[in-house]
């Protein structure tokens, strides 16, 4: 599904599906910012005591997914709280697949997709609130997931 081209895509045309069956439509799927989508493969260093070469071997270890931060304006929706409530109550179907899709400039095609498998909210923060401020009230959630797939 990834669409290759010489010129990089802009970052502000993206869709989010929180895996709740609502898709990418409506205010519940609208986010201002998403950061830290990524993964890392760890390595273990090993060397035999009788090794002729004076260096270590690198052995592929475990896959680690980074925690993703998502920010959006407060819209009076409790969908994120309900998901968090499912998680803290230990419901078996609370893990989701969160999908992030980057679109081209005219919003006619998805050019790359990131799937966060077995995702869960691990932190939800609202605010700050300031009686003298004019900024939009923001809610921020941190999502932990077990595996990243890109298409």
N, C-alpha and C. Protein backbone atom coordinates (compact mmCIF):
# COMPACT_ATOMS: atom_id res chain seq x y z
N UNK A 1 0.81 -1.19 0.00
CA UNK A 1 0.00 0.00 0.00
C UNK A 1 0.85 1.26 0.00
N UNK A 2 2.06 1.22 0.52
CA UNK A 2 2.91 2.41 0.55
C UNK A 2 3.16 2.88 -0.88
N UNK A 3 3.03 4.20 -1.09
CA UNK A 3 3.20 4.79 -2.42
C UNK A 3 4.50 5.59 -2.42
N UNK A 4 5.47 5.12 -3.21
CA UNK A 4 6.79 5.76 -3.26
C UNK A 4 6.78 6.92 -4.23
N UNK A 5 7.50 7.99 -3.87
CA UNK A 5 7.74 9.11 -4.78
C UNK A 5 9.00 9.83 -4.35
N UNK A 6 9.56 10.67 -5.23
CA UNK A 6 10.80 11.37 -4.95
C UNK A 6 10.65 12.45 -3.89
N UNK A 7 9.53 13.14 -3.88
CA UNK A 7 9.29 14.26 -2.96
C UNK A 7 8.55 13.74 -1.72
N UNK A 8 9.01 14.07 -0.51
CA UNK A 8 8.34 13.57 0.70
C UNK A 8 6.91 14.09 0.83
N UNK A 9 6.10 13.33 1.49
CA UNK A 9 4.72 13.73 1.77
C UNK A 9 4.69 14.71 2.94
N UNK A 10 3.69 15.56 2.97
CA UNK A 10 3.52 16.46 4.10
C UNK A 10 2.90 15.71 5.28
N UNK A 11 3.10 16.21 6.47
CA UNK A 11 2.72 15.47 7.66
C UNK A 11 1.30 15.76 8.17
N UNK A 12 0.61 16.73 7.61
CA UNK A 12 -0.64 17.17 8.23
C UNK A 12 -1.90 16.55 7.62
N UNK A 13 -1.78 15.57 6.76
CA UNK A 13 -2.94 14.90 6.18
C UNK A 13 -2.97 13.45 6.66
N UNK A 14 -3.55 13.22 7.83
CA UNK A 14 -3.55 11.86 8.35
C UNK A 14 -4.92 11.51 8.94
N UNK A 15 -5.19 10.22 8.97
CA UNK A 15 -6.44 9.69 9.52
C UNK A 15 -6.09 8.73 10.65
N UNK A 16 -6.96 8.67 11.66
CA UNK A 16 -6.76 7.78 12.79
C UNK A 16 -8.01 6.94 12.98
N UNK A 17 -7.82 5.63 13.10
CA UNK A 17 -8.90 4.71 13.45
C UNK A 17 -8.53 4.07 14.79
N UNK A 18 -9.31 4.34 15.82
CA UNK A 18 -9.01 3.84 17.16
C UNK A 18 -9.44 2.40 17.37
N UNK A 19 -9.92 1.74 16.33
CA UNK A 19 -10.26 0.33 16.42
C UNK A 19 -11.55 0.04 17.15
N UNK A 20 -12.42 1.03 17.27
CA UNK A 20 -13.68 0.85 17.99
C UNK A 20 -14.86 0.66 17.04
N UNK A 21 -14.58 0.56 15.75
CA UNK A 21 -15.65 0.38 14.78
C UNK A 21 -16.17 1.68 14.20
N UNK A 22 -15.64 2.83 14.64
CA UNK A 22 -16.09 4.12 14.13
C UNK A 22 -15.33 4.57 12.90
N UNK A 23 -14.23 3.89 12.58
CA UNK A 23 -13.43 4.26 11.42
C UNK A 23 -12.71 5.58 11.64
N UNK A 24 -12.50 6.31 10.54
CA UNK A 24 -11.74 7.56 10.60
C UNK A 24 -12.64 8.78 10.47
N UNK A 25 -13.93 8.59 10.52
CA UNK A 25 -14.86 9.70 10.35
C UNK A 25 -15.25 10.29 11.70
N UNK A 26 -15.58 11.57 11.69
CA UNK A 26 -16.12 12.22 12.87
C UNK A 26 -15.06 12.73 13.83
N UNK A 27 -15.50 13.52 14.80
CA UNK A 27 -14.56 14.16 15.72
C UNK A 27 -13.80 13.19 16.62
N UNK A 28 -14.35 12.02 16.91
CA UNK A 28 -13.64 11.06 17.76
C UNK A 28 -12.34 10.60 17.14
N UNK A 29 -12.24 10.63 15.82
CA UNK A 29 -11.03 10.17 15.13
C UNK A 29 -10.12 11.32 14.74
N UNK A 30 -10.48 12.55 15.10
CA UNK A 30 -9.69 13.71 14.71
C UNK A 30 -8.64 14.06 15.75
N UNK A 31 -7.38 13.98 15.38
CA UNK A 31 -6.28 14.31 16.29
C UNK A 31 -5.44 15.41 15.70
N UNK A 32 -4.91 16.24 16.55
CA UNK A 32 -4.05 17.34 16.14
C UNK A 32 -2.63 16.87 15.90
N UNK A 33 -2.18 15.95 16.73
CA UNK A 33 -0.77 15.54 16.68
C UNK A 33 -0.62 14.10 17.13
N UNK A 34 0.27 13.39 16.45
CA UNK A 34 0.64 12.03 16.84
C UNK A 34 2.15 11.97 16.80
N UNK A 35 2.77 11.48 17.86
CA UNK A 35 4.23 11.43 17.88
C UNK A 35 4.74 10.10 18.41
N UNK A 36 5.96 9.79 18.02
CA UNK A 36 6.72 8.63 18.50
C UNK A 36 6.22 7.28 18.00
N UNK A 37 5.68 7.21 16.80
CA UNK A 37 5.34 5.92 16.22
C UNK A 37 6.65 5.26 15.81
N UNK A 38 6.98 4.13 16.42
CA UNK A 38 8.25 3.51 16.09
C UNK A 38 8.45 2.18 16.78
N UNK A 39 9.58 1.57 16.43
CA UNK A 39 9.93 0.29 17.04
C UNK A 39 11.45 0.17 17.08
N UNK A 40 11.89 -0.77 17.86
CA UNK A 40 13.31 -0.99 18.04
C UNK A 40 13.53 -2.49 18.20
N UNK A 41 14.58 -2.99 17.60
CA UNK A 41 14.98 -4.39 17.80
C UNK A 41 16.24 -4.37 18.63
N UNK A 42 16.18 -4.99 19.79
CA UNK A 42 17.35 -5.00 20.68
C UNK A 42 18.35 -6.05 20.21
N UNK A 43 19.57 -5.89 20.65
CA UNK A 43 20.61 -6.87 20.36
C UNK A 43 21.27 -7.29 21.66
N UNK A 44 21.72 -8.53 21.70
CA UNK A 44 22.50 -9.03 22.82
C UNK A 44 23.93 -9.22 22.32
N UNK A 45 24.88 -8.82 23.14
CA UNK A 45 26.28 -9.00 22.77
C UNK A 45 26.79 -10.29 23.40
N UNK A 46 27.51 -11.07 22.59
CA UNK A 46 27.99 -12.36 23.05
C UNK A 46 29.39 -12.61 22.49
N UNK A 47 30.22 -13.24 23.30
CA UNK A 47 31.54 -13.62 22.82
C UNK A 47 31.97 -14.89 23.52
N UNK A 48 32.42 -15.88 22.75
CA UNK A 48 32.99 -17.09 23.31
C UNK A 48 34.35 -16.75 23.93
N UNK A 49 34.70 -17.43 25.01
CA UNK A 49 35.99 -17.19 25.65
C UNK A 49 37.17 -17.59 24.78
N UNK A 50 36.97 -18.56 23.88
CA UNK A 50 38.09 -19.01 23.04
C UNK A 50 38.02 -18.41 21.63
N UNK A 51 37.26 -17.35 21.47
CA UNK A 51 37.11 -16.69 20.17
C UNK A 51 38.44 -16.11 19.71
N UNK A 52 38.84 -16.36 18.46
CA UNK A 52 40.10 -15.83 17.92
C UNK A 52 40.01 -14.32 17.68
N UNK A 53 38.84 -13.86 17.23
CA UNK A 53 38.65 -12.44 16.94
C UNK A 53 38.31 -11.71 18.24
N UNK A 54 38.91 -10.54 18.43
CA UNK A 54 38.73 -9.79 19.66
C UNK A 54 37.55 -8.82 19.53
N UNK A 55 36.37 -9.36 19.31
CA UNK A 55 35.16 -8.54 19.22
C UNK A 55 33.95 -9.39 19.59
N UNK A 56 32.85 -8.71 19.83
CA UNK A 56 31.64 -9.42 20.24
C UNK A 56 30.74 -9.66 19.02
N UNK A 57 29.89 -10.64 19.15
CA UNK A 57 28.85 -10.89 18.15
C UNK A 57 27.59 -10.18 18.60
N UNK A 58 26.83 -9.72 17.66
CA UNK A 58 25.54 -9.09 17.95
C UNK A 58 24.45 -10.08 17.57
N UNK A 59 23.65 -10.46 18.55
CA UNK A 59 22.58 -11.43 18.34
C UNK A 59 21.25 -10.68 18.45
N UNK A 60 20.41 -10.85 17.44
CA UNK A 60 19.11 -10.18 17.43
C UNK A 60 18.28 -10.61 18.62
N UNK A 61 17.72 -9.61 19.31
CA UNK A 61 16.92 -9.87 20.51
C UNK A 61 15.45 -9.58 20.29
N UNK A 62 14.84 -9.01 21.29
CA UNK A 62 13.40 -8.76 21.29
C UNK A 62 13.04 -7.48 20.54
N UNK A 63 11.81 -7.44 20.06
CA UNK A 63 11.23 -6.28 19.41
C UNK A 63 10.57 -5.42 20.49
N UNK A 64 10.82 -4.11 20.46
CA UNK A 64 10.18 -3.19 21.39
C UNK A 64 9.45 -2.13 20.58
N UNK A 65 8.21 -1.85 20.95
CA UNK A 65 7.45 -0.79 20.31
C UNK A 65 7.45 0.43 21.23
N UNK A 66 7.62 1.62 20.66
CA UNK A 66 7.62 2.84 21.46
C UNK A 66 6.19 3.23 21.82
N UNK A 67 6.02 3.93 22.90
CA UNK A 67 4.70 4.44 23.27
C UNK A 67 4.37 5.64 22.39
N UNK A 68 3.14 5.69 21.90
CA UNK A 68 2.69 6.75 20.99
C UNK A 68 1.87 7.77 21.78
N UNK A 69 2.12 9.05 21.52
CA UNK A 69 1.36 10.12 22.14
C UNK A 69 0.43 10.73 21.10
N UNK A 70 -0.84 10.88 21.46
CA UNK A 70 -1.84 11.47 20.56
C UNK A 70 -2.50 12.64 21.28
N UNK A 71 -2.67 13.75 20.57
CA UNK A 71 -3.29 14.94 21.16
C UNK A 71 -4.46 15.38 20.29
N UNK A 72 -5.52 15.83 20.98
CA UNK A 72 -6.67 16.39 20.27
C UNK A 72 -7.36 17.40 21.18
N UNK A 73 -8.17 18.24 20.57
CA UNK A 73 -8.95 19.18 21.35
C UNK A 73 -10.05 18.45 22.11
N UNK A 74 -10.38 18.97 23.29
CA UNK A 74 -11.47 18.39 24.07
C UNK A 74 -12.77 18.66 23.33
N UNK A 75 -13.50 17.59 23.01
CA UNK A 75 -14.73 17.73 22.23
C UNK A 75 -15.96 17.23 22.99
N UNK A 76 -15.81 16.92 24.27
CA UNK A 76 -16.93 16.45 25.07
C UNK A 76 -17.28 15.00 24.84
N UNK A 77 -16.40 14.25 24.20
CA UNK A 77 -16.63 12.83 23.94
C UNK A 77 -15.98 12.02 25.05
N UNK A 78 -16.66 10.97 25.48
CA UNK A 78 -16.14 10.08 26.51
C UNK A 78 -15.61 8.77 25.93
N UNK A 79 -15.42 8.70 24.62
CA UNK A 79 -15.00 7.44 24.00
C UNK A 79 -13.63 6.98 24.50
N UNK A 80 -12.69 7.91 24.67
CA UNK A 80 -11.38 7.53 25.18
C UNK A 80 -11.46 7.08 26.63
N UNK A 81 -12.28 7.77 27.43
CA UNK A 81 -12.46 7.37 28.83
C UNK A 81 -13.09 5.98 28.92
N UNK A 82 -14.05 5.70 28.07
CA UNK A 82 -14.71 4.38 28.09
C UNK A 82 -13.71 3.28 27.75
N UNK A 83 -12.84 3.54 26.78
CA UNK A 83 -11.81 2.55 26.43
C UNK A 83 -10.85 2.35 27.61
N UNK A 84 -10.42 3.45 28.22
CA UNK A 84 -9.55 3.37 29.39
C UNK A 84 -10.24 2.63 30.54
N UNK A 85 -11.52 2.87 30.71
CA UNK A 85 -12.28 2.18 31.76
C UNK A 85 -12.34 0.67 31.49
N UNK A 86 -12.51 0.28 30.23
CA UNK A 86 -12.48 -1.15 29.88
C UNK A 86 -11.14 -1.77 30.25
N UNK A 87 -10.07 -1.05 29.96
CA UNK A 87 -8.73 -1.55 30.25
C UNK A 87 -8.50 -1.71 31.75
N UNK A 88 -8.85 -0.69 32.52
CA UNK A 88 -8.59 -0.77 33.95
C UNK A 88 -9.49 -1.76 34.66
N UNK A 89 -10.63 -2.10 34.05
CA UNK A 89 -11.52 -3.11 34.61
C UNK A 89 -11.16 -4.51 34.14
N UNK A 90 -10.13 -4.63 33.30
CA UNK A 90 -9.64 -5.94 32.88
C UNK A 90 -10.50 -6.66 31.86
N UNK A 91 -11.26 -5.93 31.07
CA UNK A 91 -12.09 -6.58 30.06
C UNK A 91 -11.20 -7.25 29.01
N UNK A 92 -11.56 -8.45 28.62
CA UNK A 92 -10.71 -9.25 27.73
C UNK A 92 -10.64 -8.71 26.31
N UNK A 93 -11.64 -7.96 25.88
CA UNK A 93 -11.66 -7.45 24.50
C UNK A 93 -11.24 -5.98 24.43
N UNK A 94 -10.53 -5.48 25.43
CA UNK A 94 -10.18 -4.06 25.48
C UNK A 94 -8.99 -3.70 24.57
N UNK A 95 -8.15 -4.67 24.21
CA UNK A 95 -7.02 -4.36 23.32
C UNK A 95 -7.54 -4.14 21.91
N UNK A 96 -6.95 -3.18 21.21
CA UNK A 96 -7.43 -2.81 19.88
C UNK A 96 -6.27 -2.71 18.89
N UNK A 97 -6.62 -2.63 17.62
CA UNK A 97 -5.67 -2.29 16.58
C UNK A 97 -5.94 -0.84 16.19
N UNK A 98 -4.99 0.04 16.46
CA UNK A 98 -5.10 1.45 16.10
C UNK A 98 -4.38 1.63 14.77
N UNK A 99 -5.05 2.28 13.82
CA UNK A 99 -4.49 2.46 12.48
C UNK A 99 -4.31 3.95 12.20
N UNK A 100 -3.13 4.31 11.74
CA UNK A 100 -2.82 5.67 11.34
C UNK A 100 -2.49 5.64 9.86
N UNK A 101 -3.18 6.48 9.09
CA UNK A 101 -2.99 6.50 7.64
C UNK A 101 -2.56 7.90 7.20
N UNK A 102 -1.47 7.97 6.45
CA UNK A 102 -1.02 9.23 5.87
C UNK A 102 -1.64 9.34 4.48
N UNK A 103 -2.19 10.51 4.16
CA UNK A 103 -2.82 10.73 2.86
C UNK A 103 -1.95 11.65 1.99
N UNK A 104 -2.23 11.61 0.69
CA UNK A 104 -1.56 12.55 -0.20
C UNK A 104 -2.18 13.94 -0.02
N UNK A 105 -1.63 14.94 -0.72
CA UNK A 105 -2.04 16.33 -0.50
C UNK A 105 -3.50 16.61 -0.83
N UNK A 106 -4.07 15.93 -1.80
CA UNK A 106 -5.47 16.21 -2.15
C UNK A 106 -6.44 15.22 -1.52
N UNK A 107 -5.98 14.45 -0.56
CA UNK A 107 -6.82 13.53 0.23
C UNK A 107 -7.51 12.46 -0.63
N UNK A 108 -6.90 12.08 -1.74
CA UNK A 108 -7.53 11.09 -2.62
C UNK A 108 -6.99 9.67 -2.42
N UNK A 109 -5.85 9.55 -1.74
CA UNK A 109 -5.26 8.22 -1.58
C UNK A 109 -4.48 8.14 -0.28
N UNK A 110 -4.49 6.95 0.32
CA UNK A 110 -3.65 6.67 1.48
C UNK A 110 -2.29 6.24 0.94
N UNK A 111 -1.22 6.89 1.41
CA UNK A 111 0.10 6.62 0.87
C UNK A 111 0.96 5.75 1.80
N UNK A 112 0.62 5.71 3.08
CA UNK A 112 1.31 4.81 4.00
C UNK A 112 0.44 4.60 5.23
N UNK A 113 0.53 3.40 5.80
CA UNK A 113 -0.29 3.02 6.95
C UNK A 113 0.59 2.45 8.04
N UNK A 114 0.29 2.83 9.28
CA UNK A 114 0.94 2.27 10.47
C UNK A 114 -0.15 1.60 11.30
N UNK A 115 0.04 0.34 11.64
CA UNK A 115 -0.92 -0.38 12.48
C UNK A 115 -0.27 -0.69 13.82
N UNK A 116 -0.90 -0.23 14.88
CA UNK A 116 -0.44 -0.49 16.24
C UNK A 116 -1.26 -1.65 16.78
N UNK A 117 -0.66 -2.83 16.83
CA UNK A 117 -1.38 -4.04 17.20
C UNK A 117 -1.40 -4.24 18.71
N UNK A 118 -2.53 -4.73 19.20
CA UNK A 118 -2.77 -4.99 20.63
C UNK A 118 -2.46 -3.73 21.45
N UNK A 119 -3.11 -2.64 21.04
CA UNK A 119 -2.88 -1.34 21.65
C UNK A 119 -3.79 -1.12 22.85
N UNK A 120 -3.28 -0.33 23.78
CA UNK A 120 -4.05 0.03 24.97
C UNK A 120 -3.63 1.42 25.43
N UNK A 121 -4.56 2.16 26.02
CA UNK A 121 -4.23 3.46 26.60
C UNK A 121 -3.52 3.19 27.93
N UNK A 122 -2.39 3.85 28.13
CA UNK A 122 -1.71 3.72 29.42
C UNK A 122 -1.69 5.03 30.19
N UNK A 123 -2.08 6.12 29.51
CA UNK A 123 -2.10 7.41 30.20
C UNK A 123 -3.06 8.34 29.47
N UNK A 124 -3.87 9.07 30.22
CA UNK A 124 -4.79 10.06 29.66
C UNK A 124 -4.69 11.32 30.50
N UNK A 125 -4.41 12.46 29.85
CA UNK A 125 -4.25 13.73 30.55
C UNK A 125 -5.10 14.77 29.84
N UNK A 126 -5.82 15.57 30.61
CA UNK A 126 -6.57 16.71 30.05
C UNK A 126 -5.97 17.99 30.61
N UNK A 127 -5.98 19.04 29.79
CA UNK A 127 -5.48 20.32 30.25
C UNK A 127 -4.15 20.64 29.63
N UNK A 128 -3.51 21.71 30.07
CA UNK A 128 -3.84 22.54 31.22
C UNK A 128 -5.02 23.47 30.92
N UNK A 129 -5.64 23.92 31.98
CA UNK A 129 -6.73 24.88 31.87
C UNK A 129 -6.25 26.20 32.48
N UNK A 130 -6.52 27.30 31.77
CA UNK A 130 -6.07 28.61 32.21
C UNK A 130 -7.19 29.60 31.95
N UNK A 131 -7.70 30.22 33.01
CA UNK A 131 -8.83 31.14 32.88
C UNK A 131 -8.50 32.37 32.05
N UNK A 132 -7.23 32.71 31.90
CA UNK A 132 -6.85 33.88 31.11
C UNK A 132 -6.35 33.50 29.72
N UNK A 133 -6.32 32.23 29.42
CA UNK A 133 -5.79 31.79 28.14
C UNK A 133 -6.82 31.75 27.03
N UNK A 134 -6.34 31.66 25.80
CA UNK A 134 -7.23 31.57 24.65
C UNK A 134 -6.97 30.32 23.82
N UNK A 135 -6.10 29.44 24.31
CA UNK A 135 -5.78 28.22 23.58
C UNK A 135 -6.92 27.21 23.68
N UNK A 136 -6.91 26.25 22.78
CA UNK A 136 -7.88 25.17 22.78
C UNK A 136 -7.55 24.22 23.93
N UNK A 137 -8.57 23.75 24.64
CA UNK A 137 -8.38 22.74 25.69
C UNK A 137 -7.97 21.43 25.01
N UNK A 138 -6.91 20.81 25.50
CA UNK A 138 -6.33 19.63 24.86
C UNK A 138 -6.42 18.42 25.77
N UNK A 139 -6.71 17.27 25.18
CA UNK A 139 -6.56 16.00 25.90
C UNK A 139 -5.48 15.20 25.19
N UNK A 140 -4.67 14.52 25.98
CA UNK A 140 -3.53 13.79 25.46
C UNK A 140 -3.59 12.36 25.97
N UNK A 141 -3.37 11.41 25.08
CA UNK A 141 -3.32 10.03 25.53
C UNK A 141 -2.03 9.39 25.07
N UNK A 142 -1.55 8.48 25.87
CA UNK A 142 -0.37 7.70 25.53
C UNK A 142 -0.83 6.27 25.32
N UNK A 143 -0.45 5.71 24.18
CA UNK A 143 -0.85 4.35 23.81
C UNK A 143 0.38 3.46 23.78
N UNK A 144 0.30 2.34 24.47
CA UNK A 144 1.32 1.31 24.38
C UNK A 144 0.77 0.21 23.49
N UNK A 145 1.63 -0.38 22.70
CA UNK A 145 1.21 -1.44 21.80
C UNK A 145 2.32 -2.46 21.70
N UNK A 146 1.98 -3.63 21.22
CA UNK A 146 2.94 -4.73 21.23
C UNK A 146 3.72 -4.89 19.93
N UNK A 147 3.11 -4.48 18.82
CA UNK A 147 3.77 -4.69 17.53
C UNK A 147 3.35 -3.60 16.54
N UNK A 148 4.30 -3.13 15.75
CA UNK A 148 4.04 -2.15 14.70
C UNK A 148 4.15 -2.83 13.35
N UNK A 149 3.14 -2.63 12.51
CA UNK A 149 3.18 -3.09 11.12
C UNK A 149 2.96 -1.89 10.22
N UNK A 150 3.74 -1.84 9.14
CA UNK A 150 3.61 -0.74 8.18
C UNK A 150 3.23 -1.29 6.82
N UNK A 151 2.36 -0.60 6.15
CA UNK A 151 1.91 -1.01 4.81
C UNK A 151 2.08 0.15 3.85
